[in-house]
Amino acid sequence: YTINAPPTTHRGIEISLNTTLARGLMVSNADPQ
């Protein structure tokens, strides 16, 4: 069956974190970009 449930709560936290740990490890004399 698809049924109507009693009242429900949806609660959440969503986190995305991108971290550049290092730059220029092997290419040090190039354009900074």
ModelCIF file with pLDDT and N, C-alpha, C, O atoms, coordinates in Angstrom:
data_MODEL
#
_entry.id   MODEL 
#
_entity.id                         1 
_entity.type                       polymer 
_entity.pdbx_number_of_molecules   1 
#
_entity_poly.entity_id                      1 
_entity_poly.type                           'polypeptide(L)' 
_entity_poly.nstd_linkage                   no 
_entity_poly.nstd_monomer                   no 
_entity_poly.pdbx_seq_one_letter_code       YTINAPPTTHRGIEISLNTTLARGLMVSNADPQ 
_entity_poly.pdbx_seq_one_letter_code_can   YTINAPPTTHRGIEISLNTTLARGLMVSNADPQ 
_entity_poly.pdbx_strand_id                 A 
#
loop_
_entity_poly_seq.entity_id 
_entity_poly_seq.num 
_entity_poly_seq.mon_id 
_entity_poly_seq.hetero 
1 1  TYR n 
1 2  THR n 
1 3  ILE n 
1 4  ASN n 
1 5  ALA n 
1 6  PRO n 
1 7  PRO n 
1 8  THR n 
1 9  THR n 
1 10 HIS n 
1 11 ARG n 
1 12 GLY n 
1 13 ILE n 
1 14 GLU n 
1 15 ILE n 
1 16 SER n 
1 17 LEU n 
1 18 ASN n 
1 19 THR n 
1 20 THR n 
1 21 LEU n 
1 22 ALA n 
1 23 ARG n 
1 24 GLY n 
1 25 LEU n 
1 26 MET n 
1 27 VAL n 
1 28 SER n 
1 29 ASN n 
1 30 ALA n 
1 31 ASP n 
1 32 PRO n 
1 33 GLN n 
#
_struct_asym.id          A 
_struct_asym.entity_id   1 
#
loop_
_ma_qa_metric.id 
_ma_qa_metric.mode 
_ma_qa_metric.name 
_ma_qa_metric.software_group_id 
_ma_qa_metric.type 
1 global pLDDT . pLDDT 
2 local  pLDDT . pLDDT 
#
_ma_qa_metric_global.metric_id      1 
_ma_qa_metric_global.metric_value   86.70 
_ma_qa_metric_global.model_id       1 
_ma_qa_metric_global.ordinal_id     1 
#
loop_
_ma_qa_metric_local.label_asym_id 
_ma_qa_metric_local.label_comp_id 
_ma_qa_metric_local.label_seq_id 
_ma_qa_metric_local.metric_id 
_ma_qa_metric_local.metric_value 
_ma_qa_metric_local.model_id 
_ma_qa_metric_local.ordinal_id 
A TYR 1  2 72.00 1 1  
A THR 2  2 79.00 1 2  
A ILE 3  2 80.00 1 3  
A ASN 4  2 85.00 1 4  
A ALA 5  2 84.00 1 5  
A PRO 6  2 87.00 1 6  
A PRO 7  2 91.00 1 7  
A THR 8  2 91.00 1 8  
A THR 9  2 93.00 1 9  
A HIS 10 2 93.00 1 10 
A ARG 11 2 94.00 1 11 
A GLY 12 2 94.00 1 12 
A ILE 13 2 96.00 1 13 
A GLU 14 2 95.00 1 14 
A ILE 15 2 95.00 1 15 
A SER 16 2 95.00 1 16 
A LEU 17 2 96.00 1 17 
A ASN 18 2 96.00 1 18 
A THR 19 2 96.00 1 19 
A THR 20 2 95.00 1 20 
A LEU 21 2 95.00 1 21 
A ALA 22 2 93.00 1 22 
A ARG 23 2 90.00 1 23 
A GLY 24 2 87.00 1 24 
A LEU 25 2 88.00 1 25 
A MET 26 2 86.00 1 26 
A VAL 27 2 84.00 1 27 
A SER 28 2 76.00 1 28 
A ASN 29 2 71.00 1 29 
A ALA 30 2 66.00 1 30 
A ASP 31 2 73.00 1 31 
A PRO 32 2 72.00 1 32 
A GLN 33 2 73.00 1 33 
#
loop_
_atom_site.group_PDB 
_atom_site.id 
_atom_site.type_symbol 
_atom_site.label_atom_id 
_atom_site.label_alt_id 
_atom_site.label_comp_id 
_atom_site.label_asym_id 
_atom_site.label_entity_id 
_atom_site.label_seq_id 
_atom_site.pdbx_PDB_ins_code 
_atom_site.Cartn_x 
_atom_site.Cartn_y 
_atom_site.Cartn_z 
_atom_site.occupancy 
_atom_site.B_iso_or_equiv 
_atom_site.pdbx_formal_charge 
_atom_site.auth_seq_id 
_atom_site.auth_comp_id 
_atom_site.auth_asym_id 
_atom_site.auth_atom_id 
_atom_site.pdbx_PDB_model_num 
ATOM 1   N N  . TYR A 1 1  ? 0.831  -1.183 0.000   1.00 72.00 ? 1  TYR A N  1 
ATOM 2   C CA . TYR A 1 1  ? 0.000  0.000  0.000   1.00 72.00 ? 1  TYR A CA 1 
ATOM 3   C C  . TYR A 1 1  ? 0.874  1.245  0.000   1.00 72.00 ? 1  TYR A C  1 
ATOM 4   O O  . TYR A 1 1  ? 1.986  1.237  0.529   1.00 72.00 ? 1  TYR A O  1 
ATOM 5   N N  . THR A 1 2  ? 0.359  2.316  -0.600  1.00 79.00 ? 2  THR A N  1 
ATOM 6   C CA . THR A 1 2  ? 0.877  3.650  -0.307  1.00 79.00 ? 2  THR A CA 1 
ATOM 7   C C  . THR A 1 2  ? -0.135 4.301  0.609   1.00 79.00 ? 2  THR A C  1 
ATOM 8   O O  . THR A 1 2  ? -1.314 4.400  0.268   1.00 79.00 ? 2  THR A O  1 
ATOM 9   N N  . ILE A 1 3  ? 0.312  4.742  1.757   1.00 80.00 ? 3  ILE A N  1 
ATOM 10  C CA . ILE A 1 3  ? -0.580 5.227  2.795   1.00 80.00 ? 3  ILE A CA 1 
ATOM 11  C C  . ILE A 1 3  ? -0.201 6.639  3.201   1.00 80.00 ? 3  ILE A C  1 
ATOM 12  O O  . ILE A 1 3  ? 0.921  7.086  2.959   1.00 80.00 ? 3  ILE A O  1 
ATOM 13  N N  . ASN A 1 4  ? -1.147 7.342  3.822   1.00 85.00 ? 4  ASN A N  1 
ATOM 14  C CA . ASN A 1 4  ? -0.852 8.625  4.453   1.00 85.00 ? 4  ASN A CA 1 
ATOM 15  C C  . ASN A 1 4  ? -0.378 8.365  5.871   1.00 85.00 ? 4  ASN A C  1 
ATOM 16  O O  . ASN A 1 4  ? -1.118 7.827  6.695   1.00 85.00 ? 4  ASN A O  1 
ATOM 17  N N  . ALA A 1 5  ? 0.861  8.749  6.152   1.00 84.00 ? 5  ALA A N  1 
ATOM 18  C CA . ALA A 1 5  ? 1.426  8.546  7.477   1.00 84.00 ? 5  ALA A CA 1 
ATOM 19  C C  . ALA A 1 5  ? 0.893  9.613  8.432   1.00 84.00 ? 5  ALA A C  1 
ATOM 20  O O  . ALA A 1 5  ? 0.364  10.632 7.990   1.00 84.00 ? 5  ALA A O  1 
ATOM 21  N N  . PRO A 1 6  ? 1.028  9.386  9.726   1.00 87.00 ? 6  PRO A N  1 
ATOM 22  C CA . PRO A 1 6  ? 0.757  10.462 10.684  1.00 87.00 ? 6  PRO A CA 1 
ATOM 23  C C  . PRO A 1 6  ? 1.753  11.595 10.473  1.00 87.00 ? 6  PRO A C  1 
ATOM 24  O O  . PRO A 1 6  ? 2.707  11.435 9.711   1.00 87.00 ? 6  PRO A O  1 
ATOM 25  N N  . PRO A 1 7  ? 1.555  12.750 11.136  1.00 91.00 ? 7  PRO A N  1 
ATOM 26  C CA . PRO A 1 7  ? 2.489  13.867 10.935  1.00 91.00 ? 7  PRO A CA 1 
ATOM 27  C C  . PRO A 1 7  ? 3.946  13.440 11.110  1.00 91.00 ? 7  PRO A C  1 
ATOM 28  O O  . PRO A 1 7  ? 4.282  12.690 12.027  1.00 91.00 ? 7  PRO A O  1 
ATOM 29  N N  . THR A 1 8  ? 4.804  13.931 10.212  1.00 91.00 ? 8  THR A N  1 
ATOM 30  C CA . THR A 1 8  ? 6.228  13.596 10.254  1.00 91.00 ? 8  THR A CA 1 
ATOM 31  C C  . THR A 1 8  ? 7.056  14.876 10.215  1.00 91.00 ? 8  THR A C  1 
ATOM 32  O O  . THR A 1 8  ? 6.571  15.940 9.831   1.00 91.00 ? 8  THR A O  1 
ATOM 33  N N  . THR A 1 9  ? 8.305  14.747 10.619  1.00 93.00 ? 9  THR A N  1 
ATOM 34  C CA . THR A 1 9  ? 9.254  15.861 10.570  1.00 93.00 ? 9  THR A CA 1 
ATOM 35  C C  . THR A 1 9  ? 10.481 15.426 9.787   1.00 93.00 ? 9  THR A C  1 
ATOM 36  O O  . THR A 1 9  ? 11.031 14.351 10.022  1.00 93.00 ? 9  THR A O  1 
ATOM 37  N N  . HIS A 1 10 ? 10.906 16.269 8.855   1.00 93.00 ? 10 HIS A N  1 
ATOM 38  C CA . HIS A 1 10 ? 12.159 16.073 8.126   1.00 93.00 ? 10 HIS A CA 1 
ATOM 39  C C  . HIS A 1 10 ? 13.093 17.210 8.531   1.00 93.00 ? 10 HIS A C  1 
ATOM 40  O O  . HIS A 1 10 ? 12.785 18.382 8.315   1.00 93.00 ? 10 HIS A O  1 
ATOM 41  N N  . ARG A 1 11 ? 14.216 16.862 9.108   1.00 94.00 ? 11 ARG A N  1 
ATOM 42  C CA . ARG A 1 11 ? 15.178 17.860 9.575   1.00 94.00 ? 11 ARG A CA 1 
ATOM 43  C C  . ARG A 1 11 ? 16.557 17.444 9.106   1.00 94.00 ? 11 ARG A C  1 
ATOM 44  O O  . ARG A 1 11 ? 16.882 16.257 9.116   1.00 94.00 ? 11 ARG A O  1 
ATOM 45  N N  . GLY A 1 12 ? 17.377 18.407 8.694   1.00 94.00 ? 12 GLY A N  1 
ATOM 46  C CA . GLY A 1 12 ? 18.688 18.005 8.210   1.00 94.00 ? 12 GLY A CA 1 
ATOM 47  C C  . GLY A 1 12 ? 19.674 19.142 8.079   1.00 94.00 ? 12 GLY A C  1 
ATOM 48  O O  . GLY A 1 12 ? 19.316 20.320 8.067   1.00 94.00 ? 12 GLY A O  1 
ATOM 49  N N  . ILE A 1 13 ? 20.932 18.744 7.981   1.00 96.00 ? 13 ILE A N  1 
ATOM 50  C CA . ILE A 1 13 ? 22.048 19.650 7.713   1.00 96.00 ? 13 ILE A CA 1 
ATOM 51  C C  . ILE A 1 13 ? 22.833 19.086 6.541   1.00 96.00 ? 13 ILE A C  1 
ATOM 52  O O  . ILE A 1 13 ? 23.151 17.897 6.507   1.00 96.00 ? 13 ILE A O  1 
ATOM 53  N N  . GLU A 1 14 ? 23.144 19.950 5.579   1.00 95.00 ? 14 GLU A N  1 
ATOM 54  C CA . GLU A 1 14 ? 23.906 19.551 4.394   1.00 95.00 ? 14 GLU A CA 1 
ATOM 55  C C  . GLU A 1 14 ? 25.115 20.475 4.267   1.00 95.00 ? 14 GLU A C  1 
ATOM 56  O O  . GLU A 1 14 ? 24.974 21.695 4.189   1.00 95.00 ? 14 GLU A O  1 
ATOM 57  N N  . ILE A 1 15 ? 26.297 19.877 4.248   1.00 95.00 ? 15 ILE A N  1 
ATOM 58  C CA . ILE A 1 15 ? 27.532 20.662 4.226   1.00 95.00 ? 15 ILE A CA 1 
ATOM 59  C C  . ILE A 1 15 ? 28.412 20.190 3.074   1.00 95.00 ? 15 ILE A C  1 
ATOM 60  O O  . ILE A 1 15 ? 28.641 18.993 2.901   1.00 95.00 ? 15 ILE A O  1 
ATOM 61  N N  . SER A 1 16 ? 28.892 21.127 2.306   1.00 95.00 ? 16 SER A N  1 
ATOM 62  C CA . SER A 1 16 ? 29.894 20.864 1.272   1.00 95.00 ? 16 SER A CA 1 
ATOM 63  C C  . SER A 1 16 ? 31.085 21.769 1.558   1.00 95.00 ? 16 SER A C  1 
ATOM 64  O O  . SER A 1 16 ? 30.932 22.982 1.702   1.00 95.00 ? 16 SER A O  1 
ATOM 65  N N  . LEU A 1 17 ? 32.275 21.171 1.641   1.00 96.00 ? 17 LEU A N  1 
ATOM 66  C CA . LEU A 1 17 ? 33.488 21.946 1.942   1.00 96.00 ? 17 LEU A CA 1 
ATOM 67  C C  . LEU A 1 17 ? 34.614 21.470 1.036   1.00 96.00 ? 17 LEU A C  1 
ATOM 68  O O  . LEU A 1 17 ? 35.035 20.316 1.102   1.00 96.00 ? 17 LEU A O  1 
ATOM 69  N N  . ASN A 1 18 ? 35.091 22.367 0.195   1.00 96.00 ? 18 ASN A N  1 
ATOM 70  C CA . ASN A 1 18 ? 36.224 22.084 -0.683  1.00 96.00 ? 18 ASN A CA 1 
ATOM 71  C C  . ASN A 1 18 ? 37.419 22.898 -0.200  1.00 96.00 ? 18 ASN A C  1 
ATOM 72  O O  . ASN A 1 18 ? 37.329 24.117 -0.051  1.00 96.00 ? 18 ASN A O  1 
ATOM 73  N N  . THR A 1 19 ? 38.535 22.220 0.042   1.00 96.00 ? 19 THR A N  1 
ATOM 74  C CA . THR A 1 19 ? 39.712 22.871 0.606   1.00 96.00 ? 19 THR A CA 1 
ATOM 75  C C  . THR A 1 19 ? 40.919 22.624 -0.291  1.00 96.00 ? 19 THR A C  1 
ATOM 76  O O  . THR A 1 19 ? 41.274 21.475 -0.555  1.00 96.00 ? 19 THR A O  1 
ATOM 77  N N  . THR A 1 20 ? 41.541 23.684 -0.755  1.00 95.00 ? 20 THR A N  1 
ATOM 78  C CA . THR A 1 20 ? 42.791 23.566 -1.512  1.00 95.00 ? 20 THR A CA 1 
ATOM 79  C C  . THR A 1 20 ? 43.931 23.435 -0.512  1.00 95.00 ? 20 THR A C  1 
ATOM 80  O O  . THR A 1 20 ? 44.351 24.422 0.092   1.00 95.00 ? 20 THR A O  1 
ATOM 81  N N  . LEU A 1 21 ? 44.425 22.225 -0.341  1.00 95.00 ? 21 LEU A N  1 
ATOM 82  C CA . LEU A 1 21 ? 45.447 21.965 0.665   1.00 95.00 ? 21 LEU A CA 1 
ATOM 83  C C  . LEU A 1 21 ? 46.811 22.493 0.250   1.00 95.00 ? 21 LEU A C  1 
ATOM 84  O O  . LEU A 1 21 ? 47.605 22.908 1.093   1.00 95.00 ? 21 LEU A O  1 
ATOM 85  N N  . ALA A 1 22 ? 47.081 22.476 -1.044  1.00 93.00 ? 22 ALA A N  1 
ATOM 86  C CA . ALA A 1 22 ? 48.398 22.933 -1.501  1.00 93.00 ? 22 ALA A CA 1 
ATOM 87  C C  . ALA A 1 22 ? 48.323 23.335 -2.965  1.00 93.00 ? 22 ALA A C  1 
ATOM 88  O O  . ALA A 1 22 ? 47.513 22.812 -3.731  1.00 93.00 ? 22 ALA A O  1 
ATOM 89  N N  . ARG A 1 23 ? 49.185 24.278 -3.338  1.00 90.00 ? 23 ARG A N  1 
ATOM 90  C CA . ARG A 1 23 ? 49.337 24.696 -4.731  1.00 90.00 ? 23 ARG A CA 1 
ATOM 91  C C  . ARG A 1 23 ? 50.820 24.732 -5.079  1.00 90.00 ? 23 ARG A C  1 
ATOM 92  O O  . ARG A 1 23 ? 51.667 24.915 -4.205  1.00 90.00 ? 23 ARG A O  1 
ATOM 93  N N  . GLY A 1 24 ? 51.126 24.555 -6.359  1.00 87.00 ? 24 GLY A N  1 
ATOM 94  C CA . GLY A 1 24 ? 52.501 24.658 -6.821  1.00 87.00 ? 24 GLY A CA 1 
ATOM 95  C C  . GLY A 1 24 ? 53.411 23.575 -6.285  1.00 87.00 ? 24 GLY A C  1 
ATOM 96  O O  . GLY A 1 24 ? 54.589 23.829 -6.032  1.00 87.00 ? 24 GLY A O  1 
ATOM 97  N N  . LEU A 1 25 ? 52.882 22.355 -6.106  1.00 88.00 ? 25 LEU A N  1 
ATOM 98  C CA . LEU A 1 25 ? 53.706 21.264 -5.598  1.00 88.00 ? 25 LEU A CA 1 
ATOM 99  C C  . LEU A 1 25 ? 54.782 20.855 -6.600  1.00 88.00 ? 25 LEU A C  1 
ATOM 100 O O  . LEU A 1 25 ? 55.922 20.600 -6.213  1.00 88.00 ? 25 LEU A O  1 
ATOM 101 N N  . MET A 1 26 ? 54.432 20.790 -7.872  1.00 86.00 ? 26 MET A N  1 
ATOM 102 C CA . MET A 1 26 ? 55.374 20.380 -8.903  1.00 86.00 ? 26 MET A CA 1 
ATOM 103 C C  . MET A 1 26 ? 55.503 21.417 -10.020 1.00 86.00 ? 26 MET A C  1 
ATOM 104 O O  . MET A 1 26 ? 56.437 21.366 -10.820 1.00 86.00 ? 26 MET A O  1 
ATOM 105 N N  . VAL A 1 27 ? 54.558 22.356 -10.064 1.00 84.00 ? 27 VAL A N  1 
ATOM 106 C CA . VAL A 1 27 ? 54.584 23.411 -11.073 1.00 84.00 ? 27 VAL A CA 1 
ATOM 107 C C  . VAL A 1 27 ? 54.648 24.729 -10.322 1.00 84.00 ? 27 VAL A C  1 
ATOM 108 O O  . VAL A 1 27 ? 53.614 25.275 -9.940  1.00 84.00 ? 27 VAL A O  1 
ATOM 109 N N  . SER A 1 28 ? 55.852 25.248 -10.108 1.00 76.00 ? 28 SER A N  1 
ATOM 110 C CA . SER A 1 28 ? 56.022 26.425 -9.252  1.00 76.00 ? 28 SER A CA 1 
ATOM 111 C C  . SER A 1 28 ? 56.251 27.710 -10.011 1.00 76.00 ? 28 SER A C  1 
ATOM 112 O O  . SER A 1 28 ? 56.087 28.788 -9.441  1.00 76.00 ? 28 SER A O  1 
ATOM 113 N N  . ASN A 1 29 ? 56.629 27.637 -11.289 1.00 71.00 ? 29 ASN A N  1 
ATOM 114 C CA . ASN A 1 29 ? 56.970 28.851 -12.024 1.00 71.00 ? 29 ASN A CA 1 
ATOM 115 C C  . ASN A 1 29 ? 55.897 29.244 -13.035 1.00 71.00 ? 29 ASN A C  1 
ATOM 116 O O  . ASN A 1 29 ? 56.116 30.116 -13.875 1.00 71.00 ? 29 ASN A O  1 
ATOM 117 N N  . ALA A 1 30 ? 54.761 28.611 -12.950 1.00 66.00 ? 30 ALA A N  1 
ATOM 118 C CA . ALA A 1 30 ? 53.710 28.869 -13.924 1.00 66.00 ? 30 ALA A CA 1 
ATOM 119 C C  . ALA A 1 30 ? 52.851 30.056 -13.493 1.00 66.00 ? 30 ALA A C  1 
ATOM 120 O O  . ALA A 1 30 ? 53.039 30.627 -12.418 1.00 66.00 ? 30 ALA A O  1 
ATOM 121 N N  . ASP A 1 31 ? 51.916 30.404 -14.348 1.00 73.00 ? 31 ASP A N  1 
ATOM 122 C CA . ASP A 1 31 ? 50.919 31.417 -14.033 1.00 73.00 ? 31 ASP A CA 1 
ATOM 123 C C  . ASP A 1 31 ? 50.197 31.009 -12.749 1.00 73.00 ? 31 ASP A C  1 
ATOM 124 O O  . ASP A 1 31 ? 49.817 29.845 -12.622 1.00 73.00 ? 31 ASP A O  1 
ATOM 125 N N  . PRO A 1 32 ? 49.988 31.935 -11.776 1.00 72.00 ? 32 PRO A N  1 
ATOM 126 C CA . PRO A 1 32 ? 49.308 31.577 -10.526 1.00 72.00 ? 32 PRO A CA 1 
ATOM 127 C C  . PRO A 1 32 ? 47.940 30.941 -10.742 1.00 72.00 ? 32 PRO A C  1 
ATOM 128 O O  . PRO A 1 32 ? 47.470 30.183 -9.894  1.00 72.00 ? 32 PRO A O  1 
ATOM 129 N N  . GLN A 1 33 ? 47.294 31.243 -11.876 1.00 73.00 ? 33 GLN A N  1 
ATOM 130 C CA . GLN A 1 33 ? 46.003 30.643 -12.165 1.00 73.00 ? 33 GLN A CA 1 
ATOM 131 C C  . GLN A 1 33 ? 46.129 29.279 -12.839 1.00 73.00 ? 33 GLN A C  1 
ATOM 132 O O  . GLN A 1 33 ? 45.118 28.646 -13.146 1.00 73.00 ? 33 GLN A O  1 
#
